[in-house]
Amino acid sequence: MKENEEPVYRFLSLAAKAGRIKSGAFLTEETVRKGRAVLVLVAVDAAENTRKKIIPLCEGRKVPWALFGEKERLGRCTGKEERSVLAVTDPSFGDKIKDMVRNETEVGNP
């Protein structure tokens, strides 16, 4: 893990405690389809099938997405087991997280 990723994980933890994160492929997909996702994070070690499913969905719905973090860390910072994908549902949290990861990784639909 890069040391500059730690603030992002802490902020994701805060967003999760505030109830502004939906995690896991099913809930993320549902959140994007319902128009409630403002940002989707896909773990860099997510399965290729997960990427092929979530990223085109985000692009089709014009939801910003980013490849960020590892499944184990994304799960832990949200109080869950491993999570390959997370959907942020709050615009303020989403904008802040997007700014934090923009320089670290690939971001789609900025």
C-alpha atoms as a PDB file:
ATOM      1  CA  MET A   1       0.000   0.000   0.000  1.00  0.00           C
ATOM      2  CA  LYS A   2       1.199   3.475  -0.805  1.00  0.00           C
ATOM      3  CA  GLU A   3       1.497   5.704   2.235  1.00  0.00           C
ATOM      4  CA  ASN A   4      -0.604   8.413   0.550  1.00  0.00           C
ATOM      5  CA  GLU A   5      -3.538   5.964   0.329  1.00  0.00           C
ATOM      6  CA  GLU A   6      -4.009   5.912   4.101  1.00  0.00           C
ATOM      7  CA  PRO A   7      -5.994   9.208   4.224  1.00  0.00           C
ATOM      8  CA  VAL A   8      -8.381   7.807   1.611  1.00  0.00           C
ATOM      9  CA  TYR A   9      -8.999   4.675   3.681  1.00  0.00           C
ATOM     10  CA  ARG A  10      -9.639   6.812   6.759  1.00  0.00           C
ATOM     11  CA  PHE A  11     -12.095   8.990   4.848  1.00  0.00           C
ATOM     12  CA  LEU A  12     -13.845   5.898   3.438  1.00  0.00           C
ATOM     13  CA  SER A  13     -14.159   4.613   6.998  1.00  0.00           C
ATOM     14  CA  LEU A  14     -15.794   7.880   8.028  1.00  0.00           C
ATOM     15  CA  ALA A  15     -18.192   7.715   5.058  1.00  0.00           C
ATOM     16  CA  ALA A  16     -19.084   4.120   5.943  1.00  0.00           C
ATOM     17  CA  LYS A  17     -19.800   5.040   9.559  1.00  0.00           C
ATOM     18  CA  ALA A  18     -22.051   7.816   8.253  1.00  0.00           C
ATOM     19  CA  GLY A  19     -23.959   5.265   6.163  1.00  0.00           C
ATOM     20  CA  ARG A  20     -22.836   6.737   2.842  1.00  0.00           C
ATOM     21  CA  ILE A  21     -21.167   3.623   1.400  1.00  0.00           C
ATOM     22  CA  LYS A  22     -22.740   0.587  -0.254  1.00  0.00           C
ATOM     23  CA  SER A  23     -20.275  -2.260  -0.562  1.00  0.00           C
ATOM     24  CA  GLY A  24     -20.052  -5.458  -2.533  1.00  0.00           C
ATOM     25  CA  ALA A  25     -20.818  -6.127  -6.169  1.00  0.00           C
ATOM     26  CA  PHE A  26     -24.565  -6.663  -5.771  1.00  0.00           C
ATOM     27  CA  LEU A  27     -25.262  -3.543  -3.683  1.00  0.00           C
ATOM     28  CA  THR A  28     -22.934  -1.412  -5.785  1.00  0.00           C
ATOM     29  CA  GLU A  29     -24.605  -2.519  -9.001  1.00  0.00           C
ATOM     30  CA  GLU A  30     -28.049  -1.865  -7.527  1.00  0.00           C
ATOM     31  CA  THR A  31     -26.981   1.568  -6.247  1.00  0.00           C
ATOM     32  CA  VAL A  32     -25.605   2.558  -9.666  1.00  0.00           C
ATOM     33  CA  ARG A  33     -28.737   1.320 -11.484  1.00  0.00           C
ATOM     34  CA  LYS A  34     -30.993   3.288  -9.121  1.00  0.00           C
ATOM     35  CA  GLY A  35     -28.993   6.474  -9.744  1.00  0.00           C
ATOM     36  CA  ARG A  36     -27.814   6.783  -6.136  1.00  0.00           C
ATOM     37  CA  ALA A  37     -24.069   6.273  -6.665  1.00  0.00           C
ATOM     38  CA  VAL A  38     -21.898   9.375  -6.999  1.00  0.00           C
ATOM     39  CA  LEU A  39     -18.598   7.468  -7.139  1.00  0.00           C
ATOM     40  CA  VAL A  40     -17.617   3.820  -7.453  1.00  0.00           C
ATOM     41  CA  LEU A  41     -14.287   2.426  -6.293  1.00  0.00           C
ATOM     42  CA  VAL A  42     -13.078  -0.835  -7.809  1.00  0.00           C
ATOM     43  CA  ALA A  43     -10.244  -2.632  -6.016  1.00  0.00           C
ATOM     44  CA  VAL A  44      -7.099  -3.043  -8.097  1.00  0.00           C
ATOM     45  CA  ASP A  45      -7.157  -6.741  -7.219  1.00  0.00           C
ATOM     46  CA  ALA A  46     -10.841  -7.207  -8.107  1.00  0.00           C
ATOM     47  CA  ALA A  47     -11.636 -10.102 -10.412  1.00  0.00           C
ATOM     48  CA  GLU A  48     -11.600  -9.323 -14.122  1.00  0.00           C
ATOM     49  CA  ASN A  49     -15.286 -10.328 -14.350  1.00  0.00           C
ATOM     50  CA  THR A  50     -16.151  -7.798 -11.639  1.00  0.00           C
ATOM     51  CA  ARG A  51     -14.324  -5.048 -13.516  1.00  0.00           C
ATOM     52  CA  LYS A  52     -15.992  -6.015 -16.799  1.00  0.00           C
ATOM     53  CA  LYS A  53     -19.401  -5.801 -15.129  1.00  0.00           C
ATOM     54  CA  ILE A  54     -19.073  -2.693 -12.938  1.00  0.00           C
ATOM     55  CA  ILE A  55     -16.939  -0.312 -15.034  1.00  0.00           C
ATOM     56  CA  PRO A  56     -19.146  -0.423 -18.186  1.00  0.00           C
ATOM     57  CA  LEU A  57     -22.226  -0.026 -15.974  1.00  0.00           C
ATOM     58  CA  CYS A  58     -20.695   3.091 -14.400  1.00  0.00           C
ATOM     59  CA  GLU A  59     -19.672   4.478 -17.780  1.00  0.00           C
ATOM     60  CA  GLY A  60     -23.119   3.834 -19.227  1.00  0.00           C
ATOM     61  CA  ARG A  61     -24.760   5.604 -16.293  1.00  0.00           C
ATOM     62  CA  LYS A  62     -22.135   8.401 -16.237  1.00  0.00           C
ATOM     63  CA  VAL A  63     -21.051   7.507 -12.693  1.00  0.00           C
ATOM     64  CA  PRO A  64     -17.421   8.366 -11.923  1.00  0.00           C
ATOM     65  CA  TRP A  65     -15.305   5.351 -10.996  1.00  0.00           C
ATOM     66  CA  ALA A  66     -11.744   4.723  -9.925  1.00  0.00           C
ATOM     67  CA  LEU A  67      -9.426   1.761  -9.568  1.00  0.00           C
ATOM     68  CA  PHE A  68      -8.278   2.117  -5.995  1.00  0.00           C
ATOM     69  CA  GLY A  69      -7.115   0.021  -3.085  1.00  0.00           C
ATOM     70  CA  GLU A  70      -7.124  -3.640  -2.339  1.00  0.00           C
ATOM     71  CA  LYS A  71     -10.121  -5.830  -1.510  1.00  0.00           C
ATOM     72  CA  GLU A  72      -8.937  -6.600   1.997  1.00  0.00           C
ATOM     73  CA  ARG A  73      -8.338  -2.931   2.893  1.00  0.00           C
ATOM     74  CA  LEU A  74     -11.575  -1.719   1.290  1.00  0.00           C
ATOM     75  CA  GLY A  75     -13.508  -4.267   3.302  1.00  0.00           C
ATOM     76  CA  ARG A  76     -11.694  -3.510   6.545  1.00  0.00           C
ATOM     77  CA  CYS A  77     -12.131   0.263   6.298  1.00  0.00           C
ATOM     78  CA  THR A  78     -15.887  -0.217   5.839  1.00  0.00           C
ATOM     79  CA  GLY A  79     -16.204  -2.718   8.682  1.00  0.00           C
ATOM     80  CA  LYS A  80     -16.797  -5.686   6.368  1.00  0.00           C
ATOM     81  CA  GLU A  81     -14.898  -8.619   4.942  1.00  0.00           C
ATOM     82  CA  GLU A  82     -13.132  -8.232   1.592  1.00  0.00           C
ATOM     83  CA  ARG A  83     -14.959  -5.951  -0.804  1.00  0.00           C
ATOM     84  CA  SER A  84     -14.079  -5.623  -4.491  1.00  0.00           C
ATOM     85  CA  VAL A  85     -16.271  -2.594  -5.088  1.00  0.00           C
ATOM     86  CA  LEU A  86     -17.763   0.270  -3.117  1.00  0.00           C
ATOM     87  CA  ALA A  87     -20.371   2.847  -4.107  1.00  0.00           C
ATOM     88  CA  VAL A  88     -20.318   6.245  -2.417  1.00  0.00           C
ATOM     89  CA  THR A  89     -23.838   7.691  -2.163  1.00  0.00           C
ATOM     90  CA  ASP A  90     -23.180  11.163  -0.753  1.00  0.00           C
ATOM     91  CA  PRO A  91     -22.005  13.936  -3.130  1.00  0.00           C
ATOM     92  CA  SER A  92     -19.800  15.645  -0.526  1.00  0.00           C
ATOM     93  CA  PHE A  93     -18.029  12.417   0.402  1.00  0.00           C
ATOM     94  CA  GLY A  94     -17.850  11.417  -3.274  1.00  0.00           C
ATOM     95  CA  ASP A  95     -16.240  14.682  -4.381  1.00  0.00           C
ATOM     96  CA  LYS A  96     -13.669  14.565  -1.593  1.00  0.00           C
ATOM     97  CA  ILE A  97     -12.757  10.926  -2.236  1.00  0.00           C
ATOM     98  CA  LYS A  98     -12.566  11.544  -5.991  1.00  0.00           C
ATOM     99  CA  ASP A  99     -10.138  14.411  -5.390  1.00  0.00           C
ATOM    100  CA  MET A 100      -8.071  12.256  -3.043  1.00  0.00           C
ATOM    101  CA  VAL A 101      -7.714   9.354  -5.497  1.00  0.00           C
ATOM    102  CA  ARG A 102      -7.465  11.379  -8.710  1.00  0.00           C
ATOM    103  CA  ASN A 103      -3.682  11.655  -8.539  1.00  0.00           C
ATOM    104  CA  GLU A 104      -3.195   8.090  -7.344  1.00  0.00           C
ATOM    105  CA  THR A 105      -5.029   6.005  -9.900  1.00  0.00           C
ATOM    106  CA  GLU A 106      -7.106   5.708 -13.032  1.00  0.00           C
ATOM    107  CA  VAL A 107     -10.394   7.603 -12.776  1.00  0.00           C
ATOM    108  CA  GLY A 108     -13.173   7.218 -15.322  1.00  0.00           C
ATOM    109  CA  ASN A 109     -15.939   9.719 -16.092  1.00  0.00           C
ATOM    110  CA  PRO A 110     -14.295  12.499 -14.039  1.00  0.00           C
END
